[in-house]
Structure formats: C-alpha cells, structure tokens
PDB file of N, CA and C in Angstrom:
ATOM      1  N   MET A   1     116.378 151.397  88.205  1.00  0.00           N
ATOM      2  CA  MET A   1     116.670 150.457  89.194  1.00  0.00           C
ATOM      3  C   MET A   1     114.983 149.721  89.069  1.00  0.00           C
ATOM      4  N   ASN A   2     115.922 148.133  88.566  1.00  0.00           N
ATOM      5  CA  ASN A   2     114.756 147.813  88.861  1.00  0.00           C
ATOM      6  C   ASN A   2     114.867 146.413  90.702  1.00  0.00           C
ATOM      7  N   MET A   3     113.455 146.128  90.758  1.00  0.00           N
ATOM      8  CA  MET A   3     113.869 145.534  92.190  1.00  0.00           C
ATOM      9  C   MET A   3     112.844 144.575  92.030  1.00  0.00           C
ATOM     10  N   TYR A   4     113.080 143.433  92.958  1.00  0.00           N
ATOM     11  CA  TYR A   4     113.024 142.102  93.062  1.00  0.00           C
ATOM     12  C   TYR A   4     111.621 142.156  94.070  1.00  0.00           C
ATOM     13  N   ILE A   5     110.327 141.767  93.481  1.00  0.00           N
ATOM     14  CA  ILE A   5     109.129 142.307  94.707  1.00  0.00           C
ATOM     15  C   ILE A   5     109.004 141.348  95.597  1.00  0.00           C
ATOM     16  N   VAL A   6     108.115 140.779  96.702  1.00  0.00           N
ATOM     17  CA  VAL A   6     107.435 139.440  96.641  1.00  0.00           C
ATOM     18  C   VAL A   6     106.881 139.913  98.096  1.00  0.00           C
ATOM     19  N   THR A   7     105.554 139.485  97.611  1.00  0.00           N
ATOM     20  CA  THR A   7     104.303 139.648  98.403  1.00  0.00           C
ATOM     21  C   THR A   7     103.785 138.124  99.225  1.00  0.00           C
ATOM     22  N   ASN A   8     103.349 138.041 100.044  1.00  0.00           N
ATOM     23  CA  ASN A   8     102.852 137.202 100.833  1.00  0.00           C
ATOM     24  C   ASN A   8     101.684 137.572 101.579  1.00  0.00           C
ATOM     25  N   ARG A   9     100.522 136.095 101.095  1.00  0.00           N
ATOM     26  CA  ARG A   9      99.158 136.624 102.403  1.00  0.00           C
ATOM     27  C   ARG A   9      98.736 135.653 103.491  1.00  0.00           C
ATOM     28  N   ILE A  10      99.041 136.287 104.317  1.00  0.00           N
ATOM     29  CA  ILE A  10      99.098 135.771 105.511  1.00  0.00           C
ATOM     30  C   ILE A  10      97.780 135.156 106.464  1.00  0.00           C
ATOM     31  N   ASP A  11      96.820 133.958 106.778  1.00  0.00           N
ATOM     32  CA  ASP A  11      95.913 134.010 106.835  1.00  0.00           C
ATOM     33  C   ASP A  11      96.094 134.023 108.570  1.00  0.00           C
ATOM     34  N   VAL A  12      95.459 134.335 109.313  1.00  0.00           N
ATOM     35  CA  VAL A  12      95.514 134.505 111.113  1.00  0.00           C
ATOM     36  C   VAL A  12      94.322 134.467 111.429  1.00  0.00           C
ATOM     37  N   PRO A  13      94.115 134.104 112.680  1.00  0.00           N
ATOM     38  CA  PRO A  13      92.415 133.647 112.895  1.00  0.00           C
ATOM     39  C   PRO A  13      92.660 135.082 113.800  1.00  0.00           C
ATOM     40  N   ALA A  14      91.525 135.484 114.185  1.00  0.00           N
ATOM     41  CA  ALA A  14      91.037 137.044 114.901  1.00  0.00           C
ATOM     42  C   ALA A  14      91.730 136.888 116.395  1.00  0.00           C
ATOM     43  N   GLU A  15      91.539 135.778 116.823  1.00  0.00           N
ATOM     44  CA  GLU A  15      91.829 135.868 118.153  1.00  0.00           C
ATOM     45  C   GLU A  15      92.958 135.693 118.356  1.00  0.00           C
ATOM     46  N   ARG A  16      94.075 134.897 117.241  1.00  0.00           N
ATOM     47  CA  ARG A  16      95.530 135.014 117.107  1.00  0.00           C
ATOM     48  C   ARG A  16      96.088 136.498 116.632  1.00  0.00           C
ATOM     49  N   ALA A  17      95.791 137.149 116.383  1.00  0.00           N
ATOM     50  CA  ALA A  17      96.221 138.598 115.565  1.00  0.00           C
ATOM     51  C   ALA A  17      97.163 139.669 116.035  1.00  0.00           C
ATOM     52  N   GLU A  18      96.702 139.463 117.343  1.00  0.00           N
ATOM     53  CA  GLU A  18      97.690 140.567 118.090  1.00  0.00           C
ATOM     54  C   GLU A  18      99.059 139.768 118.278  1.00  0.00           C
ATOM     55  N   ALA A  19      99.064 138.588 118.754  1.00  0.00           N
ATOM     56  CA  ALA A  19     100.202 137.585 119.299  1.00  0.00           C
ATOM     57  C   ALA A  19     100.914 137.671 117.721  1.00  0.00           C
ATOM     58  N   PHE A  20     100.219 137.501 116.900  1.00  0.00           N
ATOM     59  CA  PHE A  20     101.110 137.849 115.251  1.00  0.00           C
ATOM     60  C   PHE A  20     101.619 138.517 114.793  1.00  0.00           C
ATOM     61  N   GLU A  21     101.206 139.824 115.294  1.00  0.00           N
ATOM     62  CA  GLU A  21     101.441 140.922 115.056  1.00  0.00           C
ATOM     63  C   GLU A  21     102.723 141.446 115.624  1.00  0.00           C
ATOM     64  N   GLU A  22     102.845 141.144 117.394  1.00  0.00           N
ATOM     65  CA  GLU A  22     103.652 141.562 118.080  1.00  0.00           C
ATOM     66  C   GLU A  22     105.207 140.250 117.799  1.00  0.00           C
ATOM     67  N   ARG A  23     104.815 138.726 117.193  1.00  0.00           N
ATOM     68  CA  ARG A  23     105.557 138.734 116.794  1.00  0.00           C
ATOM     69  C   ARG A  23     106.628 138.233 115.546  1.00  0.00           C
ATOM     70  N   PHE A  24     105.328 139.482 114.398  1.00  0.00           N
ATOM     71  CA  PHE A  24     106.138 139.266 113.573  1.00  0.00           C
ATOM     72  C   PHE A  24     106.847 140.896 113.289  1.00  0.00           C
ATOM     73  N   ILE A  25     106.683 141.517 113.982  1.00  0.00           N
ATOM     74  CA  ILE A  25     106.982 143.135 114.029  1.00  0.00           C
ATOM     75  C   ILE A  25     108.575 142.854 114.578  1.00  0.00           C
ATOM     76  N   GLY A  26     108.316 141.731 116.140  1.00  0.00           N
ATOM     77  CA  GLY A  26     109.666 141.633 116.530  1.00  0.00           C
ATOM     78  C   GLY A  26     111.147 140.689 115.445  1.00  0.00           C
ATOM     79  N   ASN A  27     110.380 140.122 114.983  1.00  0.00           N
ATOM     80  CA  ASN A  27     110.864 139.245 113.716  1.00  0.00           C
ATOM     81  C   ASN A  27     111.956 140.396 112.380  1.00  0.00           C
ATOM     82  N   MET A  28     110.984 141.048 112.305  1.00  0.00           N
ATOM     83  CA  MET A  28     111.044 142.054 111.402  1.00  0.00           C
ATOM     84  C   MET A  28     112.091 143.217 111.584  1.00  0.00           C
ATOM     85  N   ARG A  29     111.870 143.620 112.743  1.00  0.00           N
ATOM     86  CA  ARG A  29     112.888 144.709 113.937  1.00  0.00           C
ATOM     87  C   ARG A  29     114.304 143.681 114.029  1.00  0.00           C
ATOM     88  N   ASN A  30     114.465 142.333 114.464  1.00  0.00           N
ATOM     89  CA  ASN A  30     115.796 142.001 114.748  1.00  0.00           C
ATOM     90  C   ASN A  30     116.221 141.021 113.306  1.00  0.00           C
ATOM     91  N   ASN A  31     115.651 140.675 112.942  1.00  0.00           N
ATOM     92  CA  ASN A  31     116.028 139.790 111.260  1.00  0.00           C
ATOM     93  C   ASN A  31     116.346 140.805 110.207  1.00  0.00           C
ATOM     94  N   LEU A  32     115.646 141.855 110.078  1.00  0.00           N
ATOM     95  CA  LEU A  32     115.541 142.216 108.644  1.00  0.00           C
ATOM     96  C   LEU A  32     116.739 142.558 108.568  1.00  0.00           C
ATOM     97  N   PRO A  33     117.472 143.822 109.244  1.00  0.00           N
ATOM     98  CA  PRO A  33     118.440 144.257 108.960  1.00  0.00           C
ATOM     99  C   PRO A  33     119.235 143.662 108.916  1.00  0.00           C
ATOM    100  N   LYS A  34     119.738 142.056 109.049  1.00  0.00           N
ATOM    101  CA  LYS A  34     120.716 141.103 108.250  1.00  0.00           C
ATOM    102  C   LYS A  34     120.384 140.551 107.403  1.00  0.00           C
ATOM    103  N   VAL A  35     119.611 140.940 106.551  1.00  0.00           N
ATOM    104  CA  VAL A  35     119.185 140.819 105.112  1.00  0.00           C
ATOM    105  C   VAL A  35     119.738 141.356 104.059  1.00  0.00           C
ATOM    106  N   GLU A  36     120.869 140.371 103.299  1.00  0.00           N
ATOM    107  CA  GLU A  36     121.364 141.667 102.171  1.00  0.00           C
ATOM    108  C   GLU A  36     120.569 141.436 101.289  1.00  0.00           C
ATOM    109  N   GLY A  37     120.443 142.734 100.476  1.00  0.00           N
ATOM    110  CA  GLY A  37     119.794 143.354  99.499  1.00  0.00           C
ATOM    111  C   GLY A  37     118.483 143.641 100.167  1.00  0.00           C
ATOM    112  N   LEU A  38     118.192 143.925 100.673  1.00  0.00           N
ATOM    113  CA  LEU A  38     116.285 143.865 101.617  1.00  0.00           C
ATOM    114  C   LEU A  38     116.661 144.951 101.515  1.00  0.00           C
ATOM    115  N   THR A  39     115.569 146.118 100.508  1.00  0.00           N
ATOM    116  CA  THR A  39     115.834 147.545 101.078  1.00  0.00           C
ATOM    117  C   THR A  39     114.444 147.674 101.899  1.00  0.00           C
ATOM    118  N   ARG A  40     113.310 147.358 101.614  1.00  0.00           N
ATOM    119  CA  ARG A  40     111.637 147.595 102.301  1.00  0.00           C
ATOM    120  C   ARG A  40     111.129 146.543 102.870  1.00  0.00           C
ATOM    121  N   ALA A  41     110.843 146.306 104.154  1.00  0.00           N
ATOM    122  CA  ALA A  41     109.660 145.485 103.923  1.00  0.00           C
ATOM    123  C   ALA A  41     108.593 146.037 104.948  1.00  0.00           C
ATOM    124  N   THR A  42     106.977 145.259 104.395  1.00  0.00           N
ATOM    125  CA  THR A  42     105.918 146.175 105.779  1.00  0.00           C
ATOM    126  C   THR A  42     105.096 145.020 105.755  1.00  0.00           C
ATOM    127  N   LEU A  43     104.349 145.219 106.768  1.00  0.00           N
ATOM    128  CA  LEU A  43     103.101 144.134 106.875  1.00  0.00           C
ATOM    129  C   LEU A  43     102.022 145.301 107.143  1.00  0.00           C
ATOM    130  N   ASP A  44     101.433 145.112 106.451  1.00  0.00           N
ATOM    131  CA  ASP A  44      99.682 145.461 106.342  1.00  0.00           C
ATOM    132  C   ASP A  44      98.799 144.366 107.297  1.00  0.00           C
ATOM    133  N   ARG A  45      98.228 145.402 108.189  1.00  0.00           N
ATOM    134  CA  ARG A  45      96.563 144.218 108.664  1.00  0.00           C
ATOM    135  C   ARG A  45      95.625 144.749 108.117  1.00  0.00           C
ATOM    136  N   PRO A  46      95.207 143.010 107.669  1.00  0.00           N
ATOM    137  CA  PRO A  46      93.260 143.380 106.834  1.00  0.00           C
ATOM    138  C   PRO A  46      92.583 144.586 107.729  1.00  0.00           C
ATOM    139  N   VAL A  47      91.784 144.685 106.960  1.00  0.00           N
ATOM    140  CA  VAL A  47      90.354 145.735 107.464  1.00  0.00           C
ATOM    141  C   VAL A  47      89.432 145.067 107.214  1.00  0.00           C
ATOM    142  N   ASP A  48      88.773 144.283 106.461  1.00  0.00           N
ATOM    143  CA  ASP A  48      87.789 143.162 106.262  1.00  0.00           C
ATOM    144  C   ASP A  48      88.041 141.692 106.978  1.00  0.00           C
ATOM    145  N   GLU A  49      86.882 141.398 107.524  1.00  0.00           N
ATOM    146  CA  GLU A  49      86.720 140.267 107.853  1.00  0.00           C
ATOM    147  C   GLU A  49      87.212 139.071 107.002  1.00  0.00           C
ATOM    148  N   ASN A  50      88.578 138.004 107.322  1.00  0.00           N
ATOM    149  CA  ASN A  50      88.075 137.090 106.185  1.00  0.00           C
ATOM    150  C   ASN A  50      89.495 137.200 104.854  1.00  0.00           C
ATOM    151  N   THR A  51      89.837 138.197 105.586  1.00  0.00           N
ATOM    152  CA  THR A  51      91.144 138.773 104.807  1.00  0.00           C
ATOM    153  C   THR A  51      92.611 138.456 105.277  1.00  0.00           C
ATOM    154  N   PRO A  52      93.469 137.855 104.169  1.00  0.00           N
ATOM    155  CA  PRO A  52      94.343 137.919 105.191  1.00  0.00           C
ATOM    156  C   PRO A  52      95.383 138.989 105.357  1.00  0.00           C
ATOM    157  N   TYR A  53      96.671 138.431 106.205  1.00  0.00           N
ATOM    158  CA  TYR A  53      97.528 139.663 106.386  1.00  0.00           C
ATOM    159  C   TYR A  53      98.292 140.013 105.114  1.00  0.00           C
ATOM    160  N   LYS A  54      98.646 141.287 105.194  1.00  0.00           N
ATOM    161  CA  LYS A  54      99.985 141.140 103.899  1.00  0.00           C
ATOM    162  C   LYS A  54     101.164 141.642 104.086  1.00  0.00           C
ATOM    163  N   VAL A  55     101.981 140.610 103.472  1.00  0.00           N
ATOM    164  CA  VAL A  55     103.282 141.362 103.756  1.00  0.00           C
ATOM    165  C   VAL A  55     104.038 141.334 102.323  1.00  0.00           C
ATOM    166  N   THR A  56     104.902 142.572 102.024  1.00  0.00           N
ATOM    167  CA  THR A  56     105.976 142.519 101.080  1.00  0.00           C
ATOM    168  C   THR A  56     106.874 143.028 101.350  1.00  0.00           C
ATOM    169  N   MET A  57     108.241 142.558 100.492  1.00  0.00           N
ATOM    170  CA  MET A  57     109.215 142.672 100.972  1.00  0.00           C
ATOM    171  C   MET A  57     110.004 142.875  99.239  1.00  0.00           C
ATOM    172  N   GLU A  58     111.128 143.738  99.506  1.00  0.00           N
ATOM    173  CA  GLU A  58     111.416 144.539  98.467  1.00  0.00           C
ATOM    174  C   GLU A  58     113.073 144.065  97.910  1.00  0.00           C
ATOM    175  N   PHE A  59     113.483 143.416  97.201  1.00  0.00           N
ATOM    176  CA  PHE A  59     115.094 143.373  97.208  1.00  0.00           C
ATOM    177  C   PHE A  59     115.464 143.472  96.369  1.00  0.00           C
ATOM    178  N   GLU A  60     116.816 143.890  96.173  1.00  0.00           N
ATOM    179  CA  GLU A  60     117.483 144.889  94.640  1.00  0.00           C
ATOM    180  C   GLU A  60     117.534 143.521  93.598  1.00  0.00           C
ATOM    181  N   ALA A  61     117.977 142.503  94.118  1.00  0.00           N
ATOM    182  CA  ALA A  61     117.504 141.467  92.903  1.00  0.00           C
ATOM    183  C   ALA A  61     116.956 140.224  93.045  1.00  0.00           C
ATOM    184  N   GLU A  62     116.461 139.372  92.348  1.00  0.00           N
ATOM    185  CA  GLU A  62     116.435 138.261  93.024  1.00  0.00           C
ATOM    186  C   GLU A  62     117.026 137.068  93.412  1.00  0.00           C
ATOM    187  N   SER A  63     118.754 137.059  93.351  1.00  0.00           N
ATOM    188  CA  SER A  63     119.085 136.340  93.890  1.00  0.00           C
ATOM    189  C   SER A  63     119.397 137.042  95.355  1.00  0.00           C
ATOM    190  N   ASP A  64     118.842 137.935  96.093  1.00  0.00           N
ATOM    191  CA  ASP A  64     118.821 138.506  96.534  1.00  0.00           C
ATOM    192  C   ASP A  64     117.671 137.553  97.826  1.00  0.00           C
ATOM    193  N   PHE A  65     116.832 137.779  97.109  1.00  0.00           N
ATOM    194  CA  PHE A  65     115.823 137.010  98.023  1.00  0.00           C
ATOM    195  C   PHE A  65     116.190 135.717  97.740  1.00  0.00           C
ATOM    196  N   GLU A  66     116.416 134.839  96.986  1.00  0.00           N
ATOM    197  CA  GLU A  66     116.739 133.338  97.104  1.00  0.00           C
ATOM    198  C   GLU A  66     117.718 133.344  98.091  1.00  0.00           C
ATOM    199  N   ALA A  67     119.042 134.041  98.302  1.00  0.00           N
ATOM    200  CA  ALA A  67     119.850 134.024  99.548  1.00  0.00           C
ATOM    201  C   ALA A  67     118.736 134.156 100.784  1.00  0.00           C
ATOM    202  N   TRP A  68     118.063 134.743 100.741  1.00  0.00           N
ATOM    203  CA  TRP A  68     117.347 135.274 102.016  1.00  0.00           C
ATOM    204  C   TRP A  68     116.167 133.954 102.516  1.00  0.00           C
ATOM    205  N   LYS A  69     115.892 133.423 101.282  1.00  0.00           N
ATOM    206  CA  LYS A  69     114.806 132.159 101.624  1.00  0.00           C
ATOM    207  C   LYS A  69     115.984 131.094 102.474  1.00  0.00           C
ATOM    208  N   ASN A  70     117.472 130.737 102.234  1.00  0.00           N
ATOM    209  CA  ASN A  70     117.974 130.412 102.365  1.00  0.00           C
ATOM    210  C   ASN A  70     119.264 130.755 103.685  1.00  0.00           C
ATOM    211  N   SER A  71     118.926 131.268 104.237  1.00  0.00           N
ATOM    212  CA  SER A  71     119.501 132.233 105.632  1.00  0.00           C
ATOM    213  C   SER A  71     119.178 132.277 107.155  1.00  0.00           C
ATOM    214  N   GLU A  72     120.236 132.159 108.307  1.00  0.00           N
ATOM    215  CA  GLU A  72     119.591 131.690 109.039  1.00  0.00           C
ATOM    216  C   GLU A  72     118.968 132.628 109.873  1.00  0.00           C
ATOM    217  N   ALA A  73     118.877 133.990 109.183  1.00  0.00           N
ATOM    218  CA  ALA A  73     117.275 135.211 109.125  1.00  0.00           C
ATOM    219  C   ALA A  73     116.546 134.576 108.665  1.00  0.00           C
ATOM    220  N   PHE A  74     116.155 133.573 108.310  1.00  0.00           N
ATOM    221  CA  PHE A  74     114.831 133.082 107.154  1.00  0.00           C
ATOM    222  C   PHE A  74     114.136 132.657 108.306  1.00  0.00           C
ATOM    223  N   ARG A  75     115.287 131.359 108.796  1.00  0.00           N
ATOM    224  CA  ARG A  75     114.970 130.307 109.218  1.00  0.00           C
ATOM    225  C   ARG A  75     114.390 130.704 111.106  1.00  0.00           C
ATOM    226  N   ALA A  76     114.676 132.008 111.285  1.00  0.00           N
ATOM    227  CA  ALA A  76     114.759 132.639 112.948  1.00  0.00           C
ATOM    228  C   ALA A  76     113.320 133.140 112.321  1.00  0.00           C
ATOM    229  N   SER A  77     112.955 133.920 111.653  1.00  0.00           N
ATOM    230  CA  SER A  77     112.115 134.488 111.427  1.00  0.00           C
ATOM    231  C   SER A  77     110.395 133.414 111.090  1.00  0.00           C
ATOM    232  N   HIS A  78     111.265 132.114 109.949  1.00  0.00           N
ATOM    233  CA  HIS A  78     109.941 131.312 110.444  1.00  0.00           C
ATOM    234  C   HIS A  78     109.428 130.487 111.488  1.00  0.00           C
ATOM    235  N   THR A  79     110.576 130.080 112.322  1.00  0.00           N
ATOM    236  CA  THR A  79     110.317 129.144 113.574  1.00  0.00           C
ATOM    237  C   THR A  79     108.935 128.985 114.469  1.00  0.00           C
ATOM    238  N   ARG A  80     108.201 128.563 114.476  1.00  0.00           N
ATOM    239  CA  ARG A  80     106.989 128.729 115.264  1.00  0.00           C
ATOM    240  C   ARG A  80     107.482 128.686 116.806  1.00  0.00           C
ATOM    241  N   PRO A  81     106.960 129.355 117.282  1.00  0.00           N
ATOM    242  CA  PRO A  81     107.515 128.946 119.073  1.00  0.00           C
ATOM    243  C   PRO A  81     106.449 127.790 119.412  1.00  0.00           C
ATOM    244  N   ALA A  82     106.504 126.963 120.406  1.00  0.00           N
ATOM    245  CA  ALA A  82     106.757 125.855 120.744  1.00  0.00           C
ATOM    246  C   ALA A  82     104.867 125.883 120.810  1.00  0.00           C
ATOM    247  N   ALA A  83     104.585 126.757 121.727  1.00  0.00           N
ATOM    248  CA  ALA A  83     103.404 127.265 122.266  1.00  0.00           C
ATOM    249  C   ALA A  83     102.297 127.114 120.903  1.00  0.00           C
ATOM    250  N   ALA A  84     102.624 127.485 120.340  1.00  0.00           N
ATOM    251  CA  ALA A  84     101.633 127.930 119.060  1.00  0.00           C
ATOM    252  C   ALA A  84     101.888 126.587 118.087  1.00  0.00           C
ATOM    253  N   ALA A  85     102.727 126.761 117.597  1.00  0.00           N
ATOM    254  CA  ALA A  85     102.838 125.127 117.359  1.00  0.00           C
ATOM    255  C   ALA A  85     102.266 123.964 117.575  1.00  0.00           C
ATOM    256  N   ASP A  86     101.756 123.646 119.270  1.00  0.00           N
ATOM    257  CA  ASP A  86     101.202 122.904 119.996  1.00  0.00           C
ATOM    258  C   ASP A  86      99.707 123.470 119.685  1.00  0.00           C
ATOM    259  N   ALA A  87      99.378 124.478 119.918  1.00  0.00           N
ATOM    260  CA  ALA A  87      97.462 124.879 119.758  1.00  0.00           C
ATOM    261  C   ALA A  87      97.127 124.739 118.479  1.00  0.00           C
ATOM    262  N   ALA A  88      97.936 125.027 117.474  1.00  0.00           N
ATOM    263  CA  ALA A  88      97.519 125.221 115.855  1.00  0.00           C
ATOM    264  C   ALA A  88      97.095 123.672 115.906  1.00  0.00           C
ATOM    265  N   PRO A  89      96.537 123.195 115.262  1.00  0.00           N
ATOM    266  CA  PRO A  89      95.996 122.079 113.944  1.00  0.00           C
ATOM    267  C   PRO A  89      96.786 121.903 113.131  1.00  0.00           C
ATOM    268  N   ALA A  90      97.286 120.658 112.786  1.00  0.00           N
ATOM    269  CA  ALA A  90      98.209 120.553 111.291  1.00  0.00           C
ATOM    270  C   ALA A  90      97.466 120.912 110.634  1.00  0.00           C
ATOM    271  N   GLU A  91      98.052 122.252 109.544  1.00  0.00           N
ATOM    272  CA  GLU A  91      97.911 122.788 108.324  1.00  0.00           C
ATOM    273  C   GLU A  91      97.985 121.210 107.014  1.00  0.00           C
ATOM    274  N   LYS A  92      96.376 121.110 106.336  1.00  0.00           N
ATOM    275  CA  LYS A  92      96.389 120.306 105.625  1.00  0.00           C
ATOM    276  C   LYS A  92      96.746 121.070 104.151  1.00  0.00           C
ATOM    277  N   PRO A  93      98.248 120.726 103.111  1.00  0.00           N
ATOM    278  CA  PRO A  93      98.501 121.511 101.467  1.00  0.00           C
ATOM    279  C   PRO A  93      96.645 121.815 101.383  1.00  0.00           C
ATOM    280  N   GLN A  94      97.165 123.218 100.878  1.00  0.00           N
ATOM    281  CA  GLN A  94      95.658 123.459  99.924  1.00  0.00           C
ATOM    282  C   GLN A  94      95.766 123.401  98.283  1.00  0.00           C
ATOM    283  N   THR A  95      95.097 122.733  97.609  1.00  0.00           N
ATOM    284  CA  THR A  95      95.531 122.176  96.104  1.00  0.00           C
ATOM    285  C   THR A  95      95.217 122.885  95.251  1.00  0.00           C
ATOM    286  N   GLU A  96      94.336 124.383  95.809  1.00  0.00           N
ATOM    287  CA  GLU A  96      93.925 125.269  95.165  1.00  0.00           C
ATOM    288  C   GLU A  96      93.254 126.794  95.448  1.00  0.00           C
ATOM    289  N   ASP A  97      93.409 127.592  95.120  1.00  0.00           N
ATOM    290  CA  ASP A  97      93.467 128.783  96.013  1.00  0.00           C
ATOM    291  C   ASP A  97      92.046 129.322  95.884  1.00  0.00           C
ATOM    292  N   VAL A  98      90.943 129.267  96.612  1.00  0.00           N
ATOM    293  CA  VAL A  98      89.351 129.625  96.803  1.00  0.00           C
ATOM    294  C   VAL A  98      89.634 131.237  96.715  1.00  0.00           C
ATOM    295  N   ARG A  99      90.870 131.925  97.511  1.00  0.00           N
ATOM    296  CA  ARG A  99      90.765 133.322  97.282  1.00  0.00           C
ATOM    297  C   ARG A  99      90.621 133.755  95.817  1.00  0.00           C
ATOM    298  N   SER A 100      89.576 135.203  95.189  1.00  0.00           N
ATOM    299  CA  SER A 100      89.357 135.872  94.356  1.00  0.00           C
ATOM    300  C   SER A 100      90.965 136.741  94.485  1.00  0.00           C
ATOM    301  N   VAL A 101      91.446 136.374  93.236  1.00  0.00           N
ATOM    302  CA  VAL A 101      92.960 137.438  92.757  1.00  0.00           C
ATOM    303  C   VAL A 101      92.594 138.090  91.750  1.00  0.00           C
ATOM    304  N   THR A 102      90.884 138.699  92.018  1.00  0.00           N
ATOM    305  CA  THR A 102      90.441 139.911  91.632  1.00  0.00           C
ATOM    306  C   THR A 102      90.267 140.953  92.122  1.00  0.00           C
ATOM    307  N   GLY A 103      90.010 140.411  93.204  1.00  0.00           N
ATOM    308  CA  GLY A 103      88.519 141.113  94.150  1.00  0.00           C
ATOM    309  C   GLY A 103      89.940 142.134  95.164  1.00  0.00           C
ATOM    310  N   ILE A 104      89.543 143.605  95.716  1.00  0.00           N
ATOM    311  CA  ILE A 104      89.914 144.113  96.806  1.00  0.00           C
ATOM    312  C   ILE A 104      90.248 143.877  97.886  1.00  0.00           C
ATOM    313  N   GLU A 105      91.734 144.274  98.116  1.00  0.00           N
ATOM    314  CA  GLU A 105      91.546 144.268  99.562  1.00  0.00           C
ATOM    315  C   GLU A 105      92.016 145.271 100.674  1.00  0.00           C
ATOM    316  N   HIS A 106      91.648 145.567 101.801  1.00  0.00           N
ATOM    317  CA  HIS A 106      91.926 146.830 102.563  1.00  0.00           C
ATOM    318  C   HIS A 106      92.821 146.351 103.595  1.00  0.00           C
ATOM    319  N   HIS A 107      93.676 147.202 103.730  1.00  0.00           N
ATOM    320  CA  HIS A 107      94.566 146.854 104.650  1.00  0.00           C
ATOM    321  C   HIS A 107      94.962 148.298 106.099  1.00  0.00           C
ATOM    322  N   ILE A 108      95.585 147.946 106.766  1.00  0.00           N
ATOM    323  CA  ILE A 108      96.186 149.254 107.044  1.00  0.00           C
ATOM    324  C   ILE A 108      97.748 149.131 107.948  1.00  0.00           C
ATOM    325  N   ARG A 109      98.918 149.780 107.466  1.00  0.00           N
ATOM    326  CA  ARG A 109      99.849 149.853 107.800  1.00  0.00           C
ATOM    327  C   ARG A 109     100.268 149.270 109.036  1.00  0.00           C
ATOM    328  N   VAL A 110     100.742 148.266 109.188  1.00  0.00           N
ATOM    329  CA  VAL A 110     101.257 148.257 110.967  1.00  0.00           C
ATOM    330  C   VAL A 110     102.940 148.255 111.130  1.00  0.00           C
ATOM    331  N   GLU A 111     104.009 148.508 110.020  1.00  0.00           N
ATOM    332  CA  GLU A 111     104.986 148.248 110.574  1.00  0.00           C
ATOM    333  C   GLU A 111     105.631 148.086 109.033  1.00  0.00           C
ATOM    334  N   THR A 112     106.940 149.120 109.146  1.00  0.00           N
ATOM    335  CA  THR A 112     107.691 149.359 107.839  1.00  0.00           C
ATOM    336  C   THR A 112     108.992 149.123 108.398  1.00  0.00           C
ATOM    337  N   TYR A 113     110.161 147.975 107.680  1.00  0.00           N
ATOM    338  CA  TYR A 113     111.571 147.923 107.539  1.00  0.00           C
ATOM    339  C   TYR A 113     111.860 148.934 106.477  1.00  0.00           C
ATOM    340  N   GLN A 114     113.024 149.960 106.521  1.00  0.00           N
ATOM    341  CA  GLN A 114     113.517 150.624 105.845  1.00  0.00           C
ATOM    342  C   GLN A 114     115.153 150.004 105.866  1.00  0.00           C
ATOM    343  N   ALA A 115     115.770 150.188 105.079  1.00  0.00           N
ATOM    344  CA  ALA A 115     117.344 149.291 104.899  1.00  0.00           C
ATOM    345  C   ALA A 115     117.821 151.574 105.146  1.00  0.00           C
ATOM    346  N   ASP A 116     118.886 151.188 105.997  1.00  0.00           N
ATOM    347  CA  ASP A 116     119.740 151.983 106.128  1.00  0.00           C
ATOM    348  C   ASP A 116     120.266 152.883 104.707  1.00  0.00           C
ATOM    349  N   GLN A 117     120.159 154.030 104.082  1.00  0.00           N
ATOM    350  CA  GLN A 117     120.094 154.558 102.843  1.00  0.00           C
ATOM    351  C   GLN A 117     121.497 155.293 103.086  1.00  0.00           C
ATOM    352  N   ALA A 118     122.576 154.957 102.634  1.00  0.00           N
ATOM    353  CA  ALA A 118     124.263 155.349 103.085  1.00  0.00           C
ATOM    354  C   ALA A 118     124.384 155.868 102.310  1.00  0.00           C
TER     355      ALA A 118
END
C-alpha cells in the first residue's frame, strides 16, 4: 500500500516550547480523529538547540491530505490563540531556507496519533 507522507518543521522559541506542545497535542487528540484517510501523525521534540520540531502525517492518499488542508479540522488546528497572536511578532516571509537540508537532526517522540485499525 502506498502512503502519502507530509513532514513539517516548526521553529518554536524555547520559552514557548511547553505551551506549544500542550496546544499541539490537544489539537492532535481533538482534531485528528476527524481526518479522513489519516493513518498516523507524530510530534517530535528537538534535542539540539536551534532545531525545529518535526511533525509527520501519514495519509492513505494525496487526495486525503488535500481534503485535510481544506477541512474545518485543519482550520481549527491552525488557529492561533489570541494571546499568542498578540505576543508574537509578525512573521516575515522567508525567501530562502537557511537550514541545512543534509544535516542530521535529533528528536524525541512526544506524541503519536494512530487511527483505529478496524
């Protein structure tokens, strides 16, 4: 069986890591069970300083991922709380990725969502 796997890297300042994890895990537990075709999702905490969190989502098909991006569950998962939105500086669009694409990153698995295997 082919899978469609999406990986996202999220930079989180150390002082916001705990709040980020709590919110992200809550979103995983509340929103991911509603996602059609999602078989597994993981949140990995970086071990090394200046390394982003890593999120991996495994879908049955690319069309399931596209449907997720257009879903209410996606919007609910990606809405920032008002306090965080007010405190965070406006993000500037990045014109190039300054991180190495060949470097090794070390992470600790924080949370895994696994779809029921009925």
